[in-house]
Amino acid sequence: MIAAGSLSLVLALTACGNDAADETAVDAVEEEQEEQKGGLSELLSSLGDNTQEVTNYTLTMDMSMPDEDLGDIEISMVSEVMDDPAAVQSTMNMPFLGEMMFDLMSLGGELPADVTAEDLGTIVVIVEEGQDPLMANQNGLYGDTAWIRTDASNMDQNPDEVFDVESLPELAGALAELDQAEETGNETIDGVETTVVAGSMTGEELGELDTAQAAALKELMGGSIAGSLDVTLWIDADGFPMRMEFSDDEADVAMEFSALGSTSFEVPAEEEIGAMQP
């Protein structure tokens, strides 16, 4: 915006007759604009690699998307990713699921005392590398242990069906293709100074992405992308996307990183883990 304003001023001065000096000024402003474009292109091109390299972080996601049967649904998820030991803890809150389970269990007389719809709509899952998932038994629905070892087929909701954190590099890499991306300001995210970048991807550009990148974007937006995709990024000085917002004609998704390099949680001991009852 500053560069554009400077260019307008220079053009106005040129009209007043100071041609030689003003041509030099115009060249300087145009050179500054090209440098800004180059810097922005470099920031975007590094997103995929930088996301690939991070192995310890907390990712908070908020999603709003349509459902054929339920209308607009809201989902929030916090994924804590640590590297020693390698494990992911996902905490999902899905009000629509909690309300459905509450009504069904109330009708069947199976609702535990003091359990609310909000309780039933919160699911906590830990996945250790090379192990079957652990699901928190915070409502006492699956026996006496605090955690149960299970598989995705037994879960009311599998976190990977909402968003698989392993697809982050493909997702971030796709953003290097943003059309008409421009810097819109600077903001601090989790104590980190960032450059705010806004842009969009048309249906044609989305179709030109490689298979993995296109799949990551579609998964994020609920399985498909309606119309064009508008994107806003908060990128730090090293080219890491501290925050990302996505919206198409139907869905809105926001993702924000925090606790980079300092995320940790306690993995349950074996005596705290039971098995899913048949």
C-alpha atoms as a PDB file:
ATOM      1  CA  MET A   1       0.000   0.000   0.000  1.00  0.00           C
ATOM      2  CA  ILE A   2       2.876   2.389   0.905  1.00  0.00           C
ATOM      3  CA  ALA A   3       4.675   1.565  -2.331  1.00  0.00           C
ATOM      4  CA  ALA A   4       1.497   2.077  -4.352  1.00  0.00           C
ATOM      5  CA  GLY A   5       0.929   5.442  -2.669  1.00  0.00           C
ATOM      6  CA  SER A   6       4.508   6.466  -3.366  1.00  0.00           C
ATOM      7  CA  LEU A   7       4.103   5.578  -7.022  1.00  0.00           C
ATOM      8  CA  SER A   8       0.926   7.683  -7.271  1.00  0.00           C
ATOM      9  CA  LEU A   9       2.746  10.652  -5.745  1.00  0.00           C
ATOM     10  CA  VAL A  10       5.653  10.267  -8.133  1.00  0.00           C
ATOM     11  CA  LEU A  11       3.319  10.162 -11.127  1.00  0.00           C
ATOM     12  CA  ALA A  12       1.599  13.313  -9.935  1.00  0.00           C
ATOM     13  CA  LEU A  13       4.938  15.111  -9.633  1.00  0.00           C
ATOM     14  CA  THR A  14       5.879  13.953 -13.124  1.00  0.00           C
ATOM     15  CA  ALA A  15       2.807  15.708 -14.462  1.00  0.00           C
ATOM     16  CA  CYS A  16       4.167  18.933 -12.982  1.00  0.00           C
ATOM     17  CA  GLY A  17       7.198  18.796 -15.273  1.00  0.00           C
ATOM     18  CA  ASN A  18      10.175  17.478 -13.251  1.00  0.00           C
ATOM     19  CA  ASP A  19      10.633  14.620 -15.746  1.00  0.00           C
ATOM     20  CA  ALA A  20      14.252  13.538 -15.253  1.00  0.00           C
ATOM     21  CA  ALA A  21      14.172  13.399 -11.469  1.00  0.00           C
ATOM     22  CA  ASP A  22      10.726  11.838 -11.414  1.00  0.00           C
ATOM     23  CA  GLU A  23      11.616   9.076 -13.861  1.00  0.00           C
ATOM     24  CA  THR A  24      14.381   8.098 -11.474  1.00  0.00           C
ATOM     25  CA  ALA A  25      11.903   8.131  -8.587  1.00  0.00           C
ATOM     26  CA  VAL A  26       9.426   5.981 -10.532  1.00  0.00           C
ATOM     27  CA  ASP A  27      12.167   3.465 -11.261  1.00  0.00           C
ATOM     28  CA  ALA A  28      13.066   3.356  -7.566  1.00  0.00           C
ATOM     29  CA  VAL A  29       9.477   2.712  -6.508  1.00  0.00           C
ATOM     30  CA  GLU A  30       9.002   0.028  -9.151  1.00  0.00           C
ATOM     31  CA  GLU A  31      12.232  -1.613  -7.996  1.00  0.00           C
ATOM     32  CA  GLU A  32      10.946  -1.538  -4.410  1.00  0.00           C
ATOM     33  CA  GLN A  33       7.700  -3.193  -5.525  1.00  0.00           C
ATOM     34  CA  GLU A  34       9.620  -5.931  -7.328  1.00  0.00           C
ATOM     35  CA  GLU A  35      11.711  -6.535  -4.203  1.00  0.00           C
ATOM     36  CA  GLN A  36       8.533  -6.866  -2.134  1.00  0.00           C
ATOM     37  CA  LYS A  37       7.102  -9.365  -4.604  1.00  0.00           C
ATOM     38  CA  GLY A  38      10.346 -11.331  -4.558  1.00  0.00           C
ATOM     39  CA  GLY A  39      10.429 -11.409  -0.775  1.00  0.00           C
ATOM     40  CA  LEU A  40       6.810 -12.517  -0.607  1.00  0.00           C
ATOM     41  CA  SER A  41       7.392 -15.234  -3.189  1.00  0.00           C
ATOM     42  CA  GLU A  42      10.338 -16.496  -1.148  1.00  0.00           C
ATOM     43  CA  LEU A  43       8.231 -16.555   2.027  1.00  0.00           C
ATOM     44  CA  LEU A  44       5.477 -18.561   0.329  1.00  0.00           C
ATOM     45  CA  SER A  45       7.813 -21.011  -1.391  1.00  0.00           C
ATOM     46  CA  SER A  46       9.425 -21.973   1.922  1.00  0.00           C
ATOM     47  CA  LEU A  47       6.176 -22.835   3.732  1.00  0.00           C
ATOM     48  CA  GLY A  48       6.159 -26.533   2.912  1.00  0.00           C
ATOM     49  CA  ASP A  49       9.787 -27.154   3.888  1.00  0.00           C
ATOM     50  CA  ASN A  50       9.496 -25.204   7.135  1.00  0.00           C
ATOM     51  CA  THR A  51       6.367 -27.089   8.159  1.00  0.00           C
ATOM     52  CA  GLN A  52       8.064 -30.388   7.328  1.00  0.00           C
ATOM     53  CA  GLU A  53      10.918 -29.580   9.692  1.00  0.00           C
ATOM     54  CA  VAL A  54       8.870 -28.762  12.810  1.00  0.00           C
ATOM     55  CA  THR A  55       8.344 -31.824  15.024  1.00  0.00           C
ATOM     56  CA  ASN A  56       7.160 -30.288  18.291  1.00  0.00           C
ATOM     57  CA  TYR A  57       4.201 -27.909  18.433  1.00  0.00           C
ATOM     58  CA  THR A  58       0.599 -27.321  19.459  1.00  0.00           C
ATOM     59  CA  LEU A  59      -1.937 -26.730  16.676  1.00  0.00           C
ATOM     60  CA  THR A  60      -5.354 -25.259  17.457  1.00  0.00           C
ATOM     61  CA  MET A  61      -8.054 -25.564  14.794  1.00  0.00           C
ATOM     62  CA  ASP A  62     -11.560 -24.123  14.568  1.00  0.00           C
ATOM     63  CA  MET A  63     -13.845 -25.277  11.769  1.00  0.00           C
ATOM     64  CA  SER A  64     -17.311 -24.368  10.560  1.00  0.00           C
ATOM     65  CA  MET A  65     -18.717 -26.372   7.666  1.00  0.00           C
ATOM     66  CA  PRO A  66     -22.021 -27.610   6.259  1.00  0.00           C
ATOM     67  CA  ASP A  67     -23.410 -31.131   6.696  1.00  0.00           C
ATOM     68  CA  GLU A  68     -26.245 -32.595   4.630  1.00  0.00           C
ATOM     69  CA  ASP A  69     -28.032 -33.974   7.695  1.00  0.00           C
ATOM     70  CA  LEU A  70     -26.976 -31.617  10.505  1.00  0.00           C
ATOM     71  CA  GLY A  71     -26.697 -28.252   8.782  1.00  0.00           C
ATOM     72  CA  ASP A  72     -23.741 -26.098   9.773  1.00  0.00           C
ATOM     73  CA  ILE A  73     -21.505 -27.850  12.283  1.00  0.00           C
ATOM     74  CA  GLU A  74     -18.755 -26.453  14.519  1.00  0.00           C
ATOM     75  CA  ILE A  75     -15.617 -28.430  15.406  1.00  0.00           C
ATOM     76  CA  SER A  76     -12.592 -27.373  17.431  1.00  0.00           C
ATOM     77  CA  MET A  77      -9.473 -29.479  17.848  1.00  0.00           C
ATOM     78  CA  VAL A  78      -6.180 -29.043  19.694  1.00  0.00           C
ATOM     79  CA  SER A  79      -3.354 -31.296  18.508  1.00  0.00           C
ATOM     80  CA  GLU A  80      -0.292 -31.495  20.742  1.00  0.00           C
ATOM     81  CA  VAL A  81       2.635 -32.986  18.840  1.00  0.00           C
ATOM     82  CA  MET A  82       5.791 -33.978  20.724  1.00  0.00           C
ATOM     83  CA  ASP A  83       8.952 -35.695  19.572  1.00  0.00           C
ATOM     84  CA  ASP A  84      10.271 -37.436  22.705  1.00  0.00           C
ATOM     85  CA  PRO A  85       8.532 -39.815  22.812  1.00  0.00           C
ATOM     86  CA  ALA A  86       6.957 -39.350  19.380  1.00  0.00           C
ATOM     87  CA  ALA A  87       3.241 -38.992  20.072  1.00  0.00           C
ATOM     88  CA  VAL A  88       0.195 -36.840  19.270  1.00  0.00           C
ATOM     89  CA  GLN A  89      -2.600 -35.942  21.676  1.00  0.00           C
ATOM     90  CA  SER A  90      -5.764 -34.633  20.018  1.00  0.00           C
ATOM     91  CA  THR A  91      -8.608 -33.054  21.971  1.00  0.00           C
ATOM     92  CA  MET A  92     -11.734 -32.547  19.878  1.00  0.00           C
ATOM     93  CA  ASN A  93     -14.873 -30.701  20.855  1.00  0.00           C
ATOM     94  CA  MET A  94     -17.924 -31.409  18.696  1.00  0.00           C
ATOM     95  CA  PRO A  95     -21.164 -30.022  20.182  1.00  0.00           C
ATOM     96  CA  PHE A  96     -23.315 -31.668  17.507  1.00  0.00           C
ATOM     97  CA  LEU A  97     -21.958 -35.126  18.367  1.00  0.00           C
ATOM     98  CA  GLY A  98     -22.407 -34.572  22.096  1.00  0.00           C
ATOM     99  CA  GLU A  99     -26.039 -33.554  21.652  1.00  0.00           C
ATOM    100  CA  MET A 100     -26.770 -36.589  19.469  1.00  0.00           C
ATOM    101  CA  MET A 101     -25.167 -39.001  21.941  1.00  0.00           C
ATOM    102  CA  PHE A 102     -26.892 -37.330  24.906  1.00  0.00           C
ATOM    103  CA  ASP A 103     -30.333 -37.719  23.306  1.00  0.00           C
ATOM    104  CA  LEU A 104     -29.744 -41.332  22.280  1.00  0.00           C
ATOM    105  CA  MET A 105     -28.318 -42.388  25.635  1.00  0.00           C
ATOM    106  CA  SER A 106     -31.105 -40.596  27.502  1.00  0.00           C
ATOM    107  CA  LEU A 107     -33.724 -42.495  25.529  1.00  0.00           C
ATOM    108  CA  GLY A 108     -31.960 -45.796  26.186  1.00  0.00           C
ATOM    109  CA  GLY A 109     -31.461 -45.120  29.892  1.00  0.00           C
ATOM    110  CA  GLU A 110     -27.680 -45.498  29.491  1.00  0.00           C
ATOM    111  CA  LEU A 111     -26.614 -41.975  30.442  1.00  0.00           C
ATOM    112  CA  PRO A 112     -24.178 -41.901  33.391  1.00  0.00           C
ATOM    113  CA  ALA A 113     -25.014 -39.562  36.250  1.00  0.00           C
ATOM    114  CA  ASP A 114     -23.845 -35.945  35.884  1.00  0.00           C
ATOM    115  CA  VAL A 115     -22.631 -36.460  32.292  1.00  0.00           C
ATOM    116  CA  THR A 116     -23.571 -33.559  30.017  1.00  0.00           C
ATOM    117  CA  ALA A 117     -23.855 -33.218  26.253  1.00  0.00           C
ATOM    118  CA  GLU A 118     -20.657 -31.156  26.326  1.00  0.00           C
ATOM    119  CA  ASP A 119     -18.855 -34.016  28.088  1.00  0.00           C
ATOM    120  CA  LEU A 120     -19.991 -36.475  25.443  1.00  0.00           C
ATOM    121  CA  GLY A 121     -18.921 -34.140  22.652  1.00  0.00           C
ATOM    122  CA  THR A 122     -15.321 -33.975  23.893  1.00  0.00           C
ATOM    123  CA  ILE A 123     -12.977 -36.731  22.717  1.00  0.00           C
ATOM    124  CA  VAL A 124      -9.312 -37.064  23.715  1.00  0.00           C
ATOM    125  CA  VAL A 125      -7.061 -39.436  21.768  1.00  0.00           C
ATOM    126  CA  ILE A 126      -3.340 -40.184  22.094  1.00  0.00           C
ATOM    127  CA  VAL A 127      -1.457 -41.860  19.267  1.00  0.00           C
ATOM    128  CA  GLU A 128       2.080 -43.074  19.962  1.00  0.00           C
ATOM    129  CA  GLU A 129       4.315 -44.035  17.095  1.00  0.00           C
ATOM    130  CA  GLY A 130       3.871 -47.738  16.354  1.00  0.00           C
ATOM    131  CA  GLN A 131       0.975 -48.164  18.821  1.00  0.00           C
ATOM    132  CA  ASP A 132      -2.812 -48.460  18.569  1.00  0.00           C
ATOM    133  CA  PRO A 133      -4.626 -45.285  19.651  1.00  0.00           C
ATOM    134  CA  LEU A 134      -5.558 -44.574  23.259  1.00  0.00           C
ATOM    135  CA  MET A 135      -8.912 -42.930  23.939  1.00  0.00           C
ATOM    136  CA  ALA A 136      -9.678 -41.136  27.202  1.00  0.00           C
ATOM    137  CA  ASN A 137     -12.475 -42.744  29.218  1.00  0.00           C
ATOM    138  CA  GLN A 138     -13.328 -39.518  31.038  1.00  0.00           C
ATOM    139  CA  ASN A 139     -17.057 -40.333  31.191  1.00  0.00           C
ATOM    140  CA  GLY A 140     -16.665 -43.889  32.477  1.00  0.00           C
ATOM    141  CA  LEU A 141     -18.453 -45.357  29.473  1.00  0.00           C
ATOM    142  CA  TYR A 142     -15.888 -48.087  28.799  1.00  0.00           C
ATOM    143  CA  GLY A 143     -15.033 -49.591  32.174  1.00  0.00           C
ATOM    144  CA  ASP A 144     -12.950 -48.434  35.131  1.00  0.00           C
ATOM    145  CA  THR A 145      -9.643 -47.411  33.558  1.00  0.00           C
ATOM    146  CA  ALA A 146      -8.837 -43.811  32.636  1.00  0.00           C
ATOM    147  CA  TRP A 147      -7.801 -44.803  29.088  1.00  0.00           C
ATOM    148  CA  ILE A 148      -8.683 -47.580  26.665  1.00  0.00           C
ATOM    149  CA  ARG A 149      -6.631 -48.982  23.802  1.00  0.00           C
ATOM    150  CA  THR A 150      -8.736 -49.185  20.673  1.00  0.00           C
ATOM    151  CA  ASP A 151      -8.693 -48.591  16.929  1.00  0.00           C
ATOM    152  CA  ALA A 152     -10.340 -46.049  14.643  1.00  0.00           C
ATOM    153  CA  SER A 153     -13.343 -48.304  13.938  1.00  0.00           C
ATOM    154  CA  ASN A 154     -14.396 -48.113  17.597  1.00  0.00           C
ATOM    155  CA  MET A 155     -14.139 -44.327  17.891  1.00  0.00           C
ATOM    156  CA  ASP A 156     -17.124 -42.017  17.685  1.00  0.00           C
ATOM    157  CA  GLN A 157     -14.803 -39.688  15.772  1.00  0.00           C
ATOM    158  CA  ASN A 158     -11.271 -40.309  14.526  1.00  0.00           C
ATOM    159  CA  PRO A 159      -9.105 -37.143  14.686  1.00  0.00           C
ATOM    160  CA  ASP A 160      -7.496 -38.025  11.360  1.00  0.00           C
ATOM    161  CA  GLU A 161     -10.918 -37.815   9.728  1.00  0.00           C
ATOM    162  CA  VAL A 162     -11.048 -34.162  10.763  1.00  0.00           C
ATOM    163  CA  PHE A 163      -7.425 -33.336   9.929  1.00  0.00           C
ATOM    164  CA  ASP A 164      -4.294 -35.470   9.818  1.00  0.00           C
ATOM    165  CA  VAL A 165      -1.335 -33.447  11.148  1.00  0.00           C
ATOM    166  CA  GLU A 166       0.997 -35.458   8.914  1.00  0.00           C
ATOM    167  CA  SER A 167      -0.518 -33.704   5.888  1.00  0.00           C
ATOM    168  CA  LEU A 168       0.647 -30.256   7.094  1.00  0.00           C
ATOM    169  CA  PRO A 169       3.663 -30.059   4.722  1.00  0.00           C
ATOM    170  CA  GLU A 170       1.453 -30.765   1.693  1.00  0.00           C
ATOM    171  CA  LEU A 171      -1.110 -28.245   2.910  1.00  0.00           C
ATOM    172  CA  ALA A 172       1.491 -25.524   3.463  1.00  0.00           C
ATOM    173  CA  GLY A 173       3.289 -26.364   0.220  1.00  0.00           C
ATOM    174  CA  ALA A 174       0.093 -25.799  -1.746  1.00  0.00           C
ATOM    175  CA  LEU A 175      -0.013 -22.203  -0.549  1.00  0.00           C
ATOM    176  CA  ALA A 176       3.042 -21.294  -2.618  1.00  0.00           C
ATOM    177  CA  GLU A 177       0.601 -21.179  -5.549  1.00  0.00           C
ATOM    178  CA  LEU A 178      -1.564 -18.401  -4.066  1.00  0.00           C
ATOM    179  CA  ASP A 179      -2.908 -16.051  -6.724  1.00  0.00           C
ATOM    180  CA  GLN A 180      -2.510 -12.281  -6.256  1.00  0.00           C
ATOM    181  CA  ALA A 181      -0.992 -12.722  -2.795  1.00  0.00           C
ATOM    182  CA  GLU A 182      -0.136  -9.483  -1.046  1.00  0.00           C
ATOM    183  CA  GLU A 183       1.145  -8.315   2.323  1.00  0.00           C
ATOM    184  CA  THR A 184      -1.546  -6.646   4.415  1.00  0.00           C
ATOM    185  CA  GLY A 185       0.284  -5.838   7.656  1.00  0.00           C
ATOM    186  CA  ASN A 186       2.126  -7.256  10.645  1.00  0.00           C
ATOM    187  CA  GLU A 187       0.794  -9.005  13.762  1.00  0.00           C
ATOM    188  CA  THR A 188       2.149 -10.920  16.738  1.00  0.00           C
ATOM    189  CA  ILE A 189       1.057 -14.572  17.110  1.00  0.00           C
ATOM    190  CA  ASP A 190       2.011 -16.387  20.331  1.00  0.00           C
ATOM    191  CA  GLY A 191       4.736 -13.804  20.917  1.00  0.00           C
ATOM    192  CA  VAL A 192       6.145 -14.143  17.386  1.00  0.00           C
ATOM    193  CA  GLU A 193       6.200 -11.215  14.936  1.00  0.00           C
ATOM    194  CA  THR A 194       4.585 -12.173  11.641  1.00  0.00           C
ATOM    195  CA  THR A 195       3.844 -10.759   8.202  1.00  0.00           C
ATOM    196  CA  VAL A 196       0.174 -11.075   7.220  1.00  0.00           C
ATOM    197  CA  VAL A 197      -0.353 -12.287   3.652  1.00  0.00           C
ATOM    198  CA  ALA A 198      -3.728 -12.600   1.904  1.00  0.00           C
ATOM    199  CA  GLY A 199      -4.491 -14.296  -1.388  1.00  0.00           C
ATOM    200  CA  SER A 200      -6.794 -16.692  -3.197  1.00  0.00           C
ATOM    201  CA  MET A 201      -6.789 -19.792  -5.370  1.00  0.00           C
ATOM    202  CA  THR A 202      -9.244 -20.238  -8.206  1.00  0.00           C
ATOM    203  CA  GLY A 203     -10.801 -23.565  -9.119  1.00  0.00           C
ATOM    204  CA  GLU A 204      -8.428 -23.796 -12.082  1.00  0.00           C
ATOM    205  CA  GLU A 205      -5.366 -23.255  -9.875  1.00  0.00           C
ATOM    206  CA  LEU A 206      -6.624 -25.777  -7.341  1.00  0.00           C
ATOM    207  CA  GLY A 207      -6.899 -28.295 -10.157  1.00  0.00           C
ATOM    208  CA  GLU A 208      -3.238 -27.764 -11.045  1.00  0.00           C
ATOM    209  CA  LEU A 209      -1.961 -28.772  -7.590  1.00  0.00           C
ATOM    210  CA  ASP A 210      -0.274 -32.139  -7.185  1.00  0.00           C
ATOM    211  CA  THR A 211      -2.388 -34.982  -5.790  1.00  0.00           C
ATOM    212  CA  ALA A 212      -1.135 -34.816  -2.190  1.00  0.00           C
ATOM    213  CA  GLN A 213      -1.521 -31.038  -1.935  1.00  0.00           C
ATOM    214  CA  ALA A 214      -5.024 -31.079  -3.408  1.00  0.00           C
ATOM    215  CA  ALA A 215      -6.059 -33.913  -1.078  1.00  0.00           C
ATOM    216  CA  ALA A 216      -4.784 -32.026   1.993  1.00  0.00           C
ATOM    217  CA  LEU A 217      -6.744 -28.898   1.097  1.00  0.00           C
ATOM    218  CA  LYS A 218      -9.932 -30.832   0.348  1.00  0.00           C
ATOM    219  CA  GLU A 219      -9.669 -32.807   3.605  1.00  0.00           C
ATOM    220  CA  LEU A 220      -9.222 -29.570   5.524  1.00  0.00           C
ATOM    221  CA  MET A 221     -12.315 -28.023   3.939  1.00  0.00           C
ATOM    222  CA  GLY A 222     -14.578 -31.009   4.637  1.00  0.00           C
ATOM    223  CA  GLY A 223     -13.921 -33.161   1.585  1.00  0.00           C
ATOM    224  CA  SER A 224     -14.304 -30.657  -1.242  1.00  0.00           C
ATOM    225  CA  ILE A 225     -13.765 -26.987  -2.067  1.00  0.00           C
ATOM    226  CA  ALA A 226     -16.783 -24.906  -3.079  1.00  0.00           C
ATOM    227  CA  GLY A 227     -15.770 -22.133  -5.477  1.00  0.00           C
ATOM    228  CA  SER A 228     -12.469 -20.334  -4.958  1.00  0.00           C
ATOM    229  CA  LEU A 229     -10.395 -20.618  -1.790  1.00  0.00           C
ATOM    230  CA  ASP A 230      -9.471 -17.447   0.112  1.00  0.00           C
ATOM    231  CA  VAL A 231      -6.394 -17.726   2.348  1.00  0.00           C
ATOM    232  CA  THR A 232      -4.794 -15.486   4.960  1.00  0.00           C
ATOM    233  CA  LEU A 233      -1.390 -16.392   6.399  1.00  0.00           C
ATOM    234  CA  TRP A 234       0.616 -15.081   9.340  1.00  0.00           C
ATOM    235  CA  ILE A 235       4.244 -15.908   8.434  1.00  0.00           C
ATOM    236  CA  ASP A 236       7.244 -15.403  10.739  1.00  0.00           C
ATOM    237  CA  ALA A 237      10.653 -14.127   9.628  1.00  0.00           C
ATOM    238  CA  ASP A 238      11.865 -17.697   9.003  1.00  0.00           C
ATOM    239  CA  GLY A 239       8.952 -18.470   6.677  1.00  0.00           C
ATOM    240  CA  PHE A 240       6.882 -20.513   9.152  1.00  0.00           C
ATOM    241  CA  PRO A 241       3.063 -20.110   9.043  1.00  0.00           C
ATOM    242  CA  MET A 242       2.121 -19.284  12.641  1.00  0.00           C
ATOM    243  CA  ARG A 243      -1.547 -18.947  11.671  1.00  0.00           C
ATOM    244  CA  MET A 244      -3.575 -19.892   8.588  1.00  0.00           C
ATOM    245  CA  GLU A 245      -7.192 -19.101   7.718  1.00  0.00           C
ATOM    246  CA  PHE A 246      -9.109 -20.692   4.845  1.00  0.00           C
ATOM    247  CA  SER A 247     -12.590 -20.043   3.495  1.00  0.00           C
ATOM    248  CA  ASP A 248     -14.571 -21.112   0.452  1.00  0.00           C
ATOM    249  CA  ASP A 249     -18.256 -20.581  -0.377  1.00  0.00           C
ATOM    250  CA  GLU A 250     -19.352 -22.916   2.445  1.00  0.00           C
ATOM    251  CA  ALA A 251     -16.662 -23.587   5.065  1.00  0.00           C
ATOM    252  CA  ASP A 252     -14.278 -21.616   7.276  1.00  0.00           C
ATOM    253  CA  VAL A 253     -11.161 -23.045   8.929  1.00  0.00           C
ATOM    254  CA  ALA A 254      -8.568 -21.375  11.175  1.00  0.00           C
ATOM    255  CA  MET A 255      -5.307 -23.016  12.307  1.00  0.00           C
ATOM    256  CA  GLU A 256      -2.834 -21.502  14.772  1.00  0.00           C
ATOM    257  CA  PHE A 257       0.501 -22.790  16.079  1.00  0.00           C
ATOM    258  CA  SER A 258       1.847 -22.287  19.586  1.00  0.00           C
ATOM    259  CA  ALA A 259       4.372 -23.828  22.005  1.00  0.00           C
ATOM    260  CA  LEU A 260       6.836 -24.490  19.181  1.00  0.00           C
ATOM    261  CA  GLY A 261       9.601 -26.700  20.561  1.00  0.00           C
ATOM    262  CA  SER A 262       8.072 -26.848  24.049  1.00  0.00           C
ATOM    263  CA  THR A 263       4.939 -29.009  23.669  1.00  0.00           C
ATOM    264  CA  SER A 264       4.756 -32.035  25.975  1.00  0.00           C
ATOM    265  CA  PHE A 265       2.118 -34.186  27.647  1.00  0.00           C
ATOM    266  CA  GLU A 266       2.098 -37.291  29.802  1.00  0.00           C
ATOM    267  CA  VAL A 267       1.581 -40.625  28.081  1.00  0.00           C
ATOM    268  CA  PRO A 268      -0.569 -42.943  30.279  1.00  0.00           C
ATOM    269  CA  ALA A 269       1.133 -45.818  32.093  1.00  0.00           C
ATOM    270  CA  GLU A 270       0.026 -49.366  31.251  1.00  0.00           C
ATOM    271  CA  GLU A 271      -1.945 -49.721  34.512  1.00  0.00           C
ATOM    272  CA  GLU A 272      -4.086 -46.769  33.420  1.00  0.00           C
ATOM    273  CA  ILE A 273      -5.052 -48.442  30.129  1.00  0.00           C
ATOM    274  CA  GLY A 274      -7.853 -50.945  29.585  1.00  0.00           C
ATOM    275  CA  ALA A 275      -9.395 -52.559  26.524  1.00  0.00           C
ATOM    276  CA  MET A 276     -12.558 -51.612  24.661  1.00  0.00           C
ATOM    277  CA  GLN A 277     -15.398 -53.739  25.988  1.00  0.00           C
ATOM    278  CA  PRO A 278     -17.349 -55.673  23.325  1.00  0.00           C
END
